[in-house]
Amino acid sequence: MKEESMKESSELSRRRMIQTVGAGLLSTVALGSASSSVSATESVSEDVEDPHPWRPEYHFSPSEGWMNDPNGLVYHEGIFHLFYQAGADRRRWDHATSTDLINWTEHGTKVPDTESMQAFSGGAVIDTENTAGFGEDALVAMYTGHHDEGFEDQRIAYSTDNGETVHNYAKNPVIESDEDNFRDPKPFWYEPDESWRMVVGRVEGTEDRPAGIEIYSSENLLDWTYESTYVDEGDNGWECPSLFEHPVEGTDETKWIIPISPIELRSVEYHIGDFDGTEFIVEEIIRADYGYDFYATQRWGNAPDDDGLNITWMGNWEYAMDAPDPGWQGAMTIPRTITLRKENGSLEVLQHPAKEITKTRQETLAKLCSERITPGRDPLEGTNVEGRTLEIDATIDPQSAEKVGLRVREGEDQQSVVTYDAGEEELRFNRSNSGEFFEDGFYDETTTSLERRDDGTIKLHVLVDRSSVEIFANDGQKTMTNLIYPDWESTEVSLFSENGSAQLEHLVAYDLCTTDNV
């Protein structure tokens, strides 16, 4: 990438984008013709390059065009609904569904842009009690109307046939506004008083309201009352919030969590604390992921398990629109669950790939135990561990090695490198030689602290899917999500140590493929 292009890309922000992208008549939208799962691609011969070499195999990506934030995540009648921001120049809501979180079917645009307005991000609920009057079990989505004049208000669309057709509420907006940077509503049912609550980002403060996450209440999803603001003291520009209650492992206690995406930090934070129906009081703030490509997390409503099931856009506004565009741009992370626990008096969030990932395991490539890793010895040499879609679970004791790690998507002059610096107790991921786009000095390496476990080991659970690497370290205590763009031929995997030897206590590696490819 040329220096001038890199500089322009690094200056790109969502705030700038929403001031410059354009606008159009929201109206009833019928279900588009469904297309087959785009996370499942046709199997190809190992010696023939795929026409879409970076198309994820078991992550969701659009069949064509642009995608960013996940929107309106609900589960109903056995179906996971994923709406998402589509349209590179003008935002709208497109729709996909799945019964297993791996194979997805696209259904086209459900909330379009208009001649004067775009449909920005938001959330959805299932109105089981018909409080809004649209019908029992109506799917009710709230989204931001981003007007070409610059202001943003909050609107409703609804479906009475489980998402097949979506209609805009005739009396929109439900929250009027003449201010900009007021977006991303996420409604939820508040059981203590059997009514609705909603959080929405006031990204920049006004004369009347501070910047932060505003909380509203409603009896019917249509008439909303402002309750309070969880103030953004650091002026980081918070957007894409949600708010949910989650159990604390091993206790009878629950805590409330607000996932927030700070624009200035290009990341996601879990703000954990207490909520009384009116105000949120924070206790802990935990960064959700230490990679470059993790933004706009949203949790599924009505999911069958109380495990915080969520998904996140794999992208970064600093460079996303300049990244390789093979006819489509954008992908989601693997769906994740969370565990909330207290450790030494502090709250901690552990993240895990959704259990459905196990359904994609097609072949066990290797199982290794008690193997030495030295500068001259790689336990993976001579095994079948290679590929573009892999799951690797390894437990390593660094012992005398200064550094120990794993290289994936290796090829001629290419490698994506997971390194543990034993002296610094730091986990690193480097993609400076991961193929096209990224290079030295351009979002090449990301790091996070990682203490060894009580037995002196570290545990790495690594998911590789053509153009992404997700790392879950020490049972999800720390995670890293990063995009890569390697050549098709770069498929090798290796273990390494530097300046000393390490012990590979255990490793299992799987070849992954969507069930549609079996």
Protein backbone atom coordinates (compact mmCIF):
# COMPACT_ATOMS: atom_id res chain seq x y z
CA MET A 1 0.00 0.00 0.00
CA LYS A 2 1.35 3.43 -0.90
CA GLU A 3 2.22 5.82 1.91
CA GLU A 4 -0.31 8.42 0.75
CA SER A 5 -3.08 5.83 0.65
CA MET A 6 -2.08 4.54 4.08
CA LYS A 7 -2.24 8.04 5.52
CA GLU A 8 -5.66 8.69 4.01
CA SER A 9 -6.92 5.35 5.31
CA SER A 10 -5.62 5.94 8.84
CA GLU A 11 -7.47 9.23 8.98
CA LEU A 12 -10.78 7.63 8.04
CA SER A 13 -13.29 7.41 10.88
CA ARG A 14 -16.92 6.47 11.13
CA ARG A 15 -17.71 9.98 12.31
CA ARG A 16 -16.26 11.40 9.11
CA MET A 17 -17.98 8.77 7.00
CA ILE A 18 -21.47 9.46 8.31
CA GLN A 19 -21.02 13.15 7.52
CA THR A 20 -20.12 12.44 3.91
CA VAL A 21 -22.19 9.47 2.79
CA GLY A 22 -25.41 10.21 1.04
CA ALA A 23 -29.35 9.31 1.43
CA GLY A 24 -33.77 8.38 -0.04
CA LEU A 25 -38.47 6.81 1.04
CA LEU A 26 -38.59 4.15 3.70
CA SER A 27 -41.43 1.84 2.78
CA THR A 28 -42.63 -1.70 3.18
CA VAL A 29 -39.95 -4.14 2.07
CA ALA A 30 -40.71 -7.70 1.04
CA LEU A 31 -38.35 -10.62 1.50
CA GLY A 32 -35.79 -10.73 -1.27
CA SER A 33 -35.09 -14.01 -2.97
CA ALA A 34 -33.08 -16.07 -0.53
CA SER A 35 -29.58 -17.09 -1.50
CA SER A 36 -27.78 -20.10 -0.09
CA SER A 37 -25.32 -19.85 2.74
CA VAL A 38 -22.38 -17.62 1.94
CA SER A 39 -20.31 -18.92 4.83
CA ALA A 40 -20.32 -22.24 2.99
CA THR A 41 -18.31 -22.17 -0.21
CA GLU A 42 -17.93 -24.95 -2.72
CA SER A 43 -15.07 -27.30 -1.98
CA VAL A 44 -12.16 -26.88 -4.36
CA SER A 45 -9.18 -28.97 -5.26
CA GLU A 46 -6.11 -28.17 -3.22
CA ASP A 47 -4.14 -27.41 -6.39
CA VAL A 48 -6.74 -25.05 -7.90
CA GLU A 49 -7.04 -21.55 -6.53
CA ASP A 50 -10.49 -20.57 -5.32
CA PRO A 51 -11.94 -17.56 -7.19
CA HIS A 52 -12.64 -16.09 -3.74
CA PRO A 53 -9.48 -17.08 -1.82
CA TRP A 54 -10.31 -14.90 1.19
CA ARG A 55 -13.99 -15.84 1.47
CA PRO A 56 -14.47 -17.18 5.02
CA GLU A 57 -15.50 -20.80 5.17
CA TYR A 58 -17.28 -20.86 8.54
CA HIS A 59 -17.72 -17.13 9.32
CA PHE A 60 -20.55 -15.10 7.84
CA SER A 61 -19.70 -12.75 4.98
CA PRO A 62 -22.00 -11.19 2.36
CA SER A 63 -22.22 -12.82 -1.06
CA GLU A 64 -21.47 -9.43 -2.58
CA GLY A 65 -21.01 -5.82 -1.55
CA TRP A 66 -20.20 -4.15 1.73
CA MET A 67 -20.99 -5.19 5.32
CA ASN A 68 -20.19 -3.69 8.72
CA ASP A 69 -22.13 -3.67 12.04
CA PRO A 70 -24.36 -6.57 13.09
CA ASN A 71 -27.91 -5.33 13.78
CA GLY A 72 -31.17 -6.66 15.20
CA LEU A 73 -29.93 -9.99 16.55
CA VAL A 74 -32.85 -12.12 17.74
CA TYR A 75 -33.59 -15.83 18.03
CA HIS A 76 -37.14 -16.98 17.34
CA GLU A 77 -38.76 -20.30 16.45
CA GLY A 78 -35.42 -22.03 16.00
CA ILE A 79 -33.94 -19.34 13.77
CA PHE A 80 -31.04 -17.00 14.48
CA HIS A 81 -31.64 -13.65 12.77
CA LEU A 82 -28.70 -11.50 11.75
CA PHE A 83 -29.46 -8.12 10.23
CA TYR A 84 -26.44 -6.07 9.28
CA GLN A 85 -25.27 -2.77 7.83
CA ALA A 86 -24.91 -3.08 4.08
CA GLY A 87 -24.10 -0.59 1.34
CA ALA A 88 -20.67 1.00 1.03
CA ASP A 89 -22.02 4.46 0.20
CA ARG A 90 -25.49 4.44 1.74
CA ARG A 91 -26.34 2.29 4.73
CA ARG A 92 -29.32 -0.07 4.89
CA TRP A 93 -30.27 -3.25 6.79
CA ASP A 94 -29.77 -6.56 4.99
CA HIS A 95 -30.84 -9.86 6.54
CA ALA A 96 -29.48 -13.38 6.97
CA THR A 97 -30.71 -16.37 8.98
CA SER A 98 -29.23 -19.57 10.35
CA THR A 99 -30.29 -22.56 12.40
CA ASP A 100 -26.75 -23.48 13.47
CA LEU A 101 -24.75 -20.19 13.57
CA ILE A 102 -22.40 -21.53 10.90
CA ASN A 103 -24.40 -21.86 7.68
CA TRP A 104 -26.28 -18.70 6.73
CA THR A 105 -28.95 -17.89 4.15
CA GLU A 106 -29.25 -14.33 2.85
CA HIS A 107 -32.65 -12.69 2.35
CA GLY A 108 -31.73 -9.34 0.85
CA THR A 109 -32.52 -5.83 2.04
CA LYS A 110 -35.18 -5.39 4.74
CA VAL A 111 -34.77 -1.76 5.82
CA PRO A 112 -33.55 0.27 2.82
CA ASP A 113 -32.04 3.68 2.55
CA THR A 114 -34.22 6.40 1.00
CA GLU A 115 -33.74 9.52 -1.07
CA SER A 116 -33.01 11.55 2.05
CA MET A 117 -32.07 9.10 4.80
CA GLN A 118 -29.97 6.04 5.57
CA ALA A 119 -30.82 3.22 7.97
CA PHE A 120 -28.05 3.10 10.56
CA SER A 121 -27.45 0.47 13.25
CA GLY A 122 -29.81 -0.73 15.98
CA GLY A 123 -31.30 -3.74 17.72
CA ALA A 124 -34.45 -5.86 17.75
CA VAL A 125 -36.74 -7.74 20.12
CA ILE A 126 -39.55 -10.27 19.92
CA ASP A 127 -42.69 -8.61 21.29
CA THR A 128 -44.28 -11.72 22.77
CA GLU A 129 -47.04 -9.78 24.59
CA ASN A 130 -47.92 -7.56 21.62
CA THR A 131 -47.19 -4.41 23.61
CA ALA A 132 -46.66 -2.39 20.42
CA GLY A 133 -49.87 -3.59 18.78
CA PHE A 134 -48.20 -5.06 15.70
CA GLY A 135 -49.18 -8.62 16.63
CA GLU A 136 -48.15 -11.35 19.04
CA ASP A 137 -44.50 -12.36 18.63
CA ALA A 138 -43.83 -9.52 16.22
CA LEU A 139 -40.17 -8.91 15.47
CA VAL A 140 -39.66 -5.22 16.29
CA ALA A 141 -36.44 -3.54 15.17
CA MET A 142 -35.20 -0.13 16.25
CA TYR A 143 -32.76 1.68 14.00
CA THR A 144 -31.29 5.12 13.53
CA GLY A 145 -32.50 7.30 10.70
CA HIS A 146 -29.42 9.17 9.48
CA HIS A 147 -30.73 12.13 7.47
CA ASP A 148 -28.77 13.76 4.69
CA GLU A 149 -29.11 17.06 6.53
CA GLY A 150 -26.91 15.49 9.22
CA PHE A 151 -29.31 14.83 12.10
CA GLU A 152 -30.18 11.40 13.47
CA ASP A 153 -33.41 10.10 15.04
CA GLN A 154 -34.68 6.72 16.22
CA ARG A 155 -37.18 4.65 14.23
CA ILE A 156 -39.03 1.36 14.23
CA ALA A 157 -39.61 -1.37 11.66
CA TYR A 158 -41.52 -4.58 12.36
CA SER A 159 -42.31 -8.01 11.00
CA THR A 160 -45.22 -10.30 11.81
CA ASP A 161 -43.95 -13.28 9.81
CA ASN A 162 -40.59 -13.94 11.51
CA GLY A 163 -38.65 -11.58 9.30
CA GLU A 164 -39.95 -12.56 5.89
CA THR A 165 -41.46 -9.12 5.33
CA VAL A 166 -40.52 -5.97 7.21
CA HIS A 167 -42.62 -2.82 7.46
CA ASN A 168 -41.70 0.64 8.65
CA TYR A 169 -43.83 2.14 11.40
CA ALA A 170 -46.12 4.77 9.92
CA LYS A 171 -45.53 7.27 12.75
CA ASN A 172 -41.72 7.24 12.71
CA PRO A 173 -39.62 8.59 14.30
CA VAL A 174 -40.37 7.27 17.79
CA ILE A 175 -37.63 9.48 19.27
CA GLU A 176 -37.32 12.79 17.48
CA SER A 177 -34.02 14.63 17.26
CA ASP A 178 -32.44 17.50 15.36
CA GLU A 179 -28.93 16.59 16.55
CA ASP A 180 -26.29 14.50 14.83
CA ASN A 181 -24.21 11.72 16.43
CA PHE A 182 -27.20 10.19 18.23
CA ARG A 183 -27.48 6.57 17.14
CA ASP A 184 -27.59 2.78 17.53
CA PRO A 185 -30.67 2.07 19.70
CA LYS A 186 -30.90 -1.35 21.39
CA PRO A 187 -34.20 -2.20 23.15
CA PHE A 188 -34.62 -4.98 25.73
CA TRP A 189 -37.26 -6.31 28.09
CA TYR A 190 -36.79 -5.27 31.73
CA GLU A 191 -38.38 -8.02 33.81
CA PRO A 192 -38.59 -6.26 37.24
CA ASP A 193 -41.34 -3.89 36.08
CA GLU A 194 -42.37 -5.77 32.92
CA SER A 195 -41.64 -2.97 30.50
CA TRP A 196 -39.06 -2.02 27.90
CA ARG A 197 -35.73 -0.28 28.21
CA MET A 198 -33.50 0.99 25.46
CA VAL A 199 -29.91 2.22 25.27
CA VAL A 200 -28.67 4.55 22.53
CA GLY A 201 -25.37 6.33 21.96
CA ARG A 202 -25.12 10.10 22.37
CA VAL A 203 -21.75 10.09 20.65
CA GLU A 204 -21.15 13.81 21.14
CA GLY A 205 -22.69 15.92 23.89
CA THR A 206 -25.16 18.74 23.26
CA GLU A 207 -26.20 21.75 25.30
CA ASP A 208 -28.86 19.64 27.01
CA ARG A 209 -27.25 16.19 27.21
CA PRO A 210 -23.72 14.91 27.94
CA ALA A 211 -22.01 12.42 25.68
CA GLY A 212 -22.57 8.82 26.73
CA ILE A 213 -25.12 6.02 26.68
CA GLU A 214 -28.68 7.27 27.15
CA ILE A 215 -31.26 5.01 28.81
CA TYR A 216 -34.98 5.20 27.94
CA SER A 217 -38.10 3.38 29.16
CA SER A 218 -41.33 2.44 27.41
CA GLU A 219 -44.51 0.42 27.94
CA ASN A 220 -45.07 -0.23 24.25
CA LEU A 221 -41.85 0.25 22.23
CA LEU A 222 -43.45 3.31 20.64
CA ASP A 223 -43.48 6.01 23.34
CA TRP A 224 -40.12 6.49 25.03
CA THR A 225 -39.15 8.40 28.20
CA TYR A 226 -35.57 9.52 28.86
CA GLU A 227 -34.27 8.15 32.19
CA SER A 228 -30.55 8.87 32.51
CA THR A 229 -27.15 8.99 30.82
CA TYR A 230 -24.17 6.79 31.57
CA VAL A 231 -21.65 9.54 30.88
CA ASP A 232 -18.63 9.14 28.60
CA GLU A 233 -16.14 10.86 30.89
CA GLY A 234 -13.19 10.14 28.59
CA ASP A 235 -14.89 11.64 25.51
CA ASN A 236 -14.04 8.54 23.45
CA GLY A 237 -17.21 8.68 21.35
CA TRP A 238 -19.27 5.67 22.45
CA GLU A 239 -21.50 3.90 19.93
CA CYS A 240 -23.15 0.52 19.28
CA PRO A 241 -24.21 -0.10 22.92
CA SER A 242 -26.43 -2.80 24.37
CA LEU A 243 -27.33 -3.65 27.97
CA PHE A 244 -28.01 -7.07 29.45
CA GLU A 245 -27.93 -8.97 32.74
CA HIS A 246 -25.55 -11.91 33.13
CA PRO A 247 -24.89 -14.43 35.92
CA VAL A 248 -21.60 -14.42 37.82
CA GLU A 249 -20.16 -17.93 37.65
CA GLY A 250 -20.29 -19.90 40.87
CA THR A 251 -22.52 -17.39 42.69
CA ASP A 252 -26.17 -16.39 42.95
CA GLU A 253 -25.16 -12.91 41.83
CA THR A 254 -25.80 -11.23 38.49
CA LYS A 255 -24.25 -8.15 36.93
CA TRP A 256 -25.27 -5.88 34.08
CA ILE A 257 -22.98 -5.49 31.07
CA ILE A 258 -22.86 -2.71 28.47
CA PRO A 259 -20.71 -3.62 25.46
CA ILE A 260 -19.53 -0.28 24.03
CA SER A 261 -17.54 0.53 20.91
CA PRO A 262 -15.35 3.62 21.52
CA ILE A 263 -14.74 5.30 18.17
CA GLU A 264 -11.39 6.77 19.17
CA LEU A 265 -10.08 3.39 20.39
CA ARG A 266 -11.41 1.28 17.49
CA SER A 267 -12.29 -1.52 19.89
CA VAL A 268 -14.99 -2.94 22.16
CA GLU A 269 -15.19 -2.58 25.93
CA TYR A 270 -17.35 -4.45 28.44
CA HIS A 271 -18.61 -2.01 31.06
CA ILE A 272 -19.80 -4.11 34.00
CA GLY A 273 -21.88 -2.92 36.94
CA ASP A 274 -25.38 -2.53 38.34
CA PHE A 275 -28.63 -1.31 36.78
CA ASP A 276 -31.79 -0.42 38.70
CA GLY A 277 -34.02 0.23 35.70
CA THR A 278 -33.09 3.90 35.63
CA GLU A 279 -29.34 4.30 36.04
CA PHE A 280 -26.28 2.21 35.23
CA ILE A 281 -23.39 2.34 37.73
CA VAL A 282 -20.11 0.94 36.46
CA GLU A 283 -17.72 -1.22 38.53
CA GLU A 284 -15.27 -2.63 35.99
CA ILE A 285 -14.25 -1.79 32.41
CA ILE A 286 -12.66 -4.64 30.46
CA ARG A 287 -11.37 -4.52 26.92
CA ALA A 288 -13.13 -7.26 24.97
CA ASP A 289 -10.49 -8.02 22.33
CA TYR A 290 -6.90 -6.97 21.65
CA GLY A 291 -6.86 -7.40 17.89
CA TYR A 292 -7.31 -4.69 15.29
CA ASP A 293 -10.50 -6.10 13.74
CA PHE A 294 -13.20 -6.27 16.41
CA TYR A 295 -15.95 -3.64 16.53
CA ALA A 296 -19.70 -3.17 17.19
CA THR A 297 -20.46 -6.25 19.28
CA GLN A 298 -24.13 -7.18 19.65
CA ARG A 299 -25.79 -9.94 21.67
CA TRP A 300 -28.62 -12.19 20.48
CA GLY A 301 -31.93 -11.61 22.20
CA ASN A 302 -34.07 -14.61 23.21
CA ALA A 303 -31.19 -17.04 22.62
CA PRO A 304 -31.92 -20.53 24.00
CA ASP A 305 -29.00 -20.50 26.46
CA ASP A 306 -28.13 -17.82 29.01
CA ASP A 307 -24.57 -17.55 27.75
CA GLY A 308 -24.33 -14.04 26.30
CA LEU A 309 -24.21 -15.27 22.69
CA ASN A 310 -22.87 -12.44 20.53
CA ILE A 311 -21.19 -11.58 17.26
CA THR A 312 -18.94 -8.74 16.12
CA TRP A 313 -17.87 -7.10 12.87
CA MET A 314 -14.32 -8.08 11.85
CA GLY A 315 -13.15 -4.72 10.62
CA ASN A 316 -11.53 -1.43 11.52
CA TRP A 317 -12.75 1.97 10.32
CA GLU A 318 -9.15 3.16 9.93
CA TYR A 319 -8.69 1.03 6.81
CA ALA A 320 -11.79 -1.11 6.18
CA MET A 321 -12.94 0.70 3.04
CA ASP A 322 -9.47 0.53 1.50
CA ALA A 323 -8.97 -3.19 2.21
CA PRO A 324 -9.00 -5.74 -0.64
CA ASP A 325 -12.38 -5.87 -2.37
CA PRO A 326 -12.87 -9.09 -4.35
CA GLY A 327 -16.54 -8.21 -4.95
CA TRP A 328 -17.43 -8.29 -1.26
CA GLN A 329 -16.09 -6.61 1.88
CA GLY A 330 -16.74 -7.45 5.49
CA ALA A 331 -17.11 -10.52 7.70
CA MET A 332 -18.36 -11.35 11.18
CA THR A 333 -16.41 -13.02 13.96
CA ILE A 334 -17.27 -16.53 15.00
CA PRO A 335 -20.28 -16.25 17.36
CA ARG A 336 -19.02 -16.13 20.94
CA THR A 337 -20.35 -16.85 24.40
CA ILE A 338 -19.14 -15.23 27.60
CA THR A 339 -18.54 -16.30 31.19
CA LEU A 340 -18.53 -13.65 33.91
CA ARG A 341 -16.59 -14.53 37.05
CA LYS A 342 -14.86 -12.99 40.03
CA GLU A 343 -11.12 -13.52 40.24
CA ASN A 344 -9.20 -12.14 43.23
CA GLY A 345 -12.04 -9.76 44.01
CA SER A 346 -12.29 -8.38 40.45
CA LEU A 347 -14.75 -9.17 37.71
CA GLU A 348 -13.45 -10.95 34.63
CA VAL A 349 -15.01 -11.81 31.26
CA LEU A 350 -14.01 -15.04 29.56
CA GLN A 351 -14.94 -15.45 25.89
CA HIS A 352 -15.39 -18.72 24.03
CA PRO A 353 -16.24 -19.73 20.48
CA ALA A 354 -19.88 -20.85 20.33
CA LYS A 355 -20.16 -24.61 20.74
CA GLU A 356 -21.48 -24.89 17.19
CA ILE A 357 -17.90 -24.53 15.93
CA THR A 358 -17.36 -28.21 16.78
CA LYS A 359 -19.79 -29.14 14.00
CA THR A 360 -17.31 -27.87 11.43
CA ARG A 361 -14.54 -30.29 12.44
CA GLN A 362 -14.00 -32.52 9.44
CA GLU A 363 -10.71 -34.24 10.25
CA THR A 364 -8.32 -34.46 13.18
CA LEU A 365 -5.01 -33.48 11.63
CA ALA A 366 -2.81 -34.23 14.65
CA LYS A 367 -2.80 -34.97 18.35
CA LEU A 368 0.48 -34.37 20.15
CA CYS A 369 1.56 -34.71 23.79
CA SER A 370 4.80 -34.03 25.67
CA GLU A 371 6.89 -32.79 22.75
CA ARG A 372 9.93 -30.52 22.91
CA ILE A 373 9.97 -27.26 20.96
CA THR A 374 13.48 -25.96 20.29
CA PRO A 375 15.03 -23.56 17.74
CA GLY A 376 15.89 -26.64 15.69
CA ARG A 377 12.88 -28.83 16.39
CA ASP A 378 9.27 -28.28 15.34
CA PRO A 379 6.89 -31.00 16.62
CA LEU A 380 4.49 -30.23 13.75
CA GLU A 381 7.07 -31.12 11.12
CA GLY A 382 5.97 -34.29 9.34
CA THR A 383 2.37 -34.04 10.54
CA ASN A 384 -0.73 -33.23 8.49
CA VAL A 385 -1.26 -29.87 10.17
CA GLU A 386 -1.70 -27.40 7.34
CA GLY A 387 -4.56 -25.60 5.66
CA ARG A 388 -6.60 -22.44 5.29
CA THR A 389 -9.39 -23.35 7.72
CA LEU A 390 -8.05 -24.69 10.99
CA GLU A 391 -8.76 -25.03 14.68
CA ILE A 392 -5.67 -25.47 16.86
CA ASP A 393 -5.81 -25.99 20.62
CA ALA A 394 -2.39 -26.02 22.27
CA THR A 395 -1.05 -25.97 25.82
CA ILE A 396 2.58 -24.86 26.07
CA ASP A 397 5.06 -24.53 28.92
CA PRO A 398 7.61 -21.88 27.83
CA GLN A 399 10.28 -23.26 30.20
CA SER A 400 13.66 -21.77 29.20
CA ALA A 401 12.53 -20.24 25.88
CA GLU A 402 12.48 -16.46 25.67
CA LYS A 403 9.69 -16.71 23.10
CA VAL A 404 7.47 -19.53 21.87
CA GLY A 405 4.71 -19.51 19.33
CA LEU A 406 2.77 -20.65 16.32
CA ARG A 407 2.95 -19.65 12.67
CA VAL A 408 -0.12 -20.14 10.44
CA ARG A 409 -0.81 -19.54 6.75
CA GLU A 410 2.90 -19.92 6.04
CA GLY A 411 4.21 -19.80 2.51
CA GLU A 412 7.00 -18.27 0.51
CA ASP A 413 7.83 -15.06 2.41
CA GLN A 414 4.45 -15.21 4.22
CA GLN A 415 3.41 -16.05 7.73
CA SER A 416 0.95 -14.92 10.40
CA VAL A 417 2.64 -15.25 13.76
CA VAL A 418 1.30 -15.85 17.26
CA THR A 419 4.11 -15.25 19.78
CA TYR A 420 4.29 -15.53 23.55
CA ASP A 421 7.11 -13.47 25.10
CA ALA A 422 7.81 -15.40 28.30
CA GLY A 423 9.95 -12.70 29.88
CA GLU A 424 7.43 -9.94 29.30
CA GLU A 425 4.43 -12.26 29.77
CA GLU A 426 2.98 -10.78 26.62
CA LEU A 427 0.97 -12.29 23.77
CA ARG A 428 1.57 -10.88 20.28
CA PHE A 429 0.14 -11.32 16.83
CA ASN A 430 2.09 -10.12 13.81
CA ARG A 431 0.67 -9.87 10.27
CA SER A 432 3.35 -7.76 8.59
CA ASN A 433 4.07 -10.72 6.26
CA SER A 434 0.51 -11.99 5.95
CA GLY A 435 0.08 -11.18 2.27
CA GLU A 436 -1.60 -8.21 0.67
CA PHE A 437 -2.44 -4.92 2.39
CA PHE A 438 -0.78 -5.04 5.82
CA GLU A 439 2.94 -4.40 6.13
CA ASP A 440 5.60 -3.19 8.58
CA GLY A 441 4.35 -0.13 10.42
CA PHE A 442 0.79 -0.39 9.11
CA TYR A 443 -1.35 -2.09 11.77
CA ASP A 444 1.12 -4.94 11.69
CA GLU A 445 1.41 -6.12 15.31
CA THR A 446 -0.92 -6.12 18.28
CA THR A 447 -0.12 -7.15 21.86
CA THR A 448 -1.66 -7.83 25.24
CA SER A 449 -0.39 -8.95 28.62
CA LEU A 450 -0.96 -12.63 29.43
CA GLU A 451 0.08 -14.19 32.70
CA ARG A 452 0.95 -17.85 32.78
CA ARG A 453 -1.57 -20.16 34.36
CA ASP A 454 -0.97 -21.60 37.81
CA ASP A 455 0.95 -24.55 36.37
CA GLY A 456 3.25 -22.27 34.35
CA THR A 457 1.64 -22.98 30.99
CA ILE A 458 -0.25 -20.90 28.46
CA LYS A 459 -3.19 -22.17 26.44
CA LEU A 460 -3.84 -21.03 22.87
CA HIS A 461 -7.07 -21.78 21.03
CA VAL A 462 -6.62 -20.49 17.48
CA LEU A 463 -9.23 -20.34 14.71
CA VAL A 464 -7.96 -19.75 11.17
CA ASP A 465 -10.46 -19.07 8.40
CA ARG A 466 -8.80 -18.02 5.13
CA SER A 467 -8.67 -14.27 5.85
CA SER A 468 -8.87 -14.17 9.65
CA VAL A 469 -7.14 -15.41 12.78
CA GLU A 470 -8.99 -15.43 16.11
CA ILE A 471 -7.02 -16.26 19.25
CA PHE A 472 -8.61 -17.30 22.56
CA ALA A 473 -5.83 -17.40 25.16
CA ASN A 474 -5.97 -19.09 28.57
CA ASP A 475 -9.55 -20.30 28.19
CA GLY A 476 -10.75 -17.00 26.76
CA GLN A 477 -9.16 -14.73 29.33
CA LYS A 478 -7.70 -12.68 26.47
CA THR A 479 -8.71 -12.69 22.81
CA MET A 480 -7.30 -11.25 19.59
CA THR A 481 -9.10 -10.92 16.25
CA ASN A 482 -7.23 -9.93 13.10
CA LEU A 483 -7.73 -10.04 9.34
CA ILE A 484 -5.05 -11.38 7.00
CA TYR A 485 -4.81 -11.62 3.18
CA PRO A 486 -2.34 -14.42 2.38
CA ASP A 487 -1.74 -16.11 -0.95
CA TRP A 488 -3.78 -19.23 -1.70
CA GLU A 489 -0.65 -21.36 -1.56
CA SER A 490 0.28 -20.25 1.97
CA THR A 491 -1.07 -23.15 4.02
CA GLU A 492 1.74 -24.38 6.26
CA VAL A 493 1.77 -24.31 10.07
CA SER A 494 4.72 -24.52 12.47
CA LEU A 495 5.69 -24.24 16.12
CA PHE A 496 8.84 -22.38 17.18
CA SER A 497 10.87 -21.29 20.16
CA GLU A 498 13.64 -18.71 20.47
CA ASN A 499 16.69 -18.77 22.73
CA GLY A 500 15.69 -21.84 24.67
CA SER A 501 13.36 -24.81 24.64
CA ALA A 502 9.69 -25.12 25.53
CA GLN A 503 7.42 -28.05 26.21
CA LEU A 504 4.33 -28.72 24.13
CA GLU A 505 2.10 -30.32 26.73
CA HIS A 506 -0.81 -30.95 24.41
CA LEU A 507 -1.96 -30.01 20.91
CA VAL A 508 -4.92 -31.03 18.79
CA ALA A 509 -5.56 -29.61 15.32
CA TYR A 510 -8.67 -29.94 13.18
CA ASP A 511 -9.47 -29.21 9.56
CA LEU A 512 -12.67 -27.14 9.53
CA CYS A 513 -15.38 -26.98 6.91
CA THR A 514 -19.01 -25.89 7.01
CA THR A 515 -21.58 -28.66 7.20
CA ASP A 516 -22.90 -27.65 3.78
CA ASN A 517 -19.59 -28.85 2.36
CA VAL A 518 -19.70 -32.33 3.89
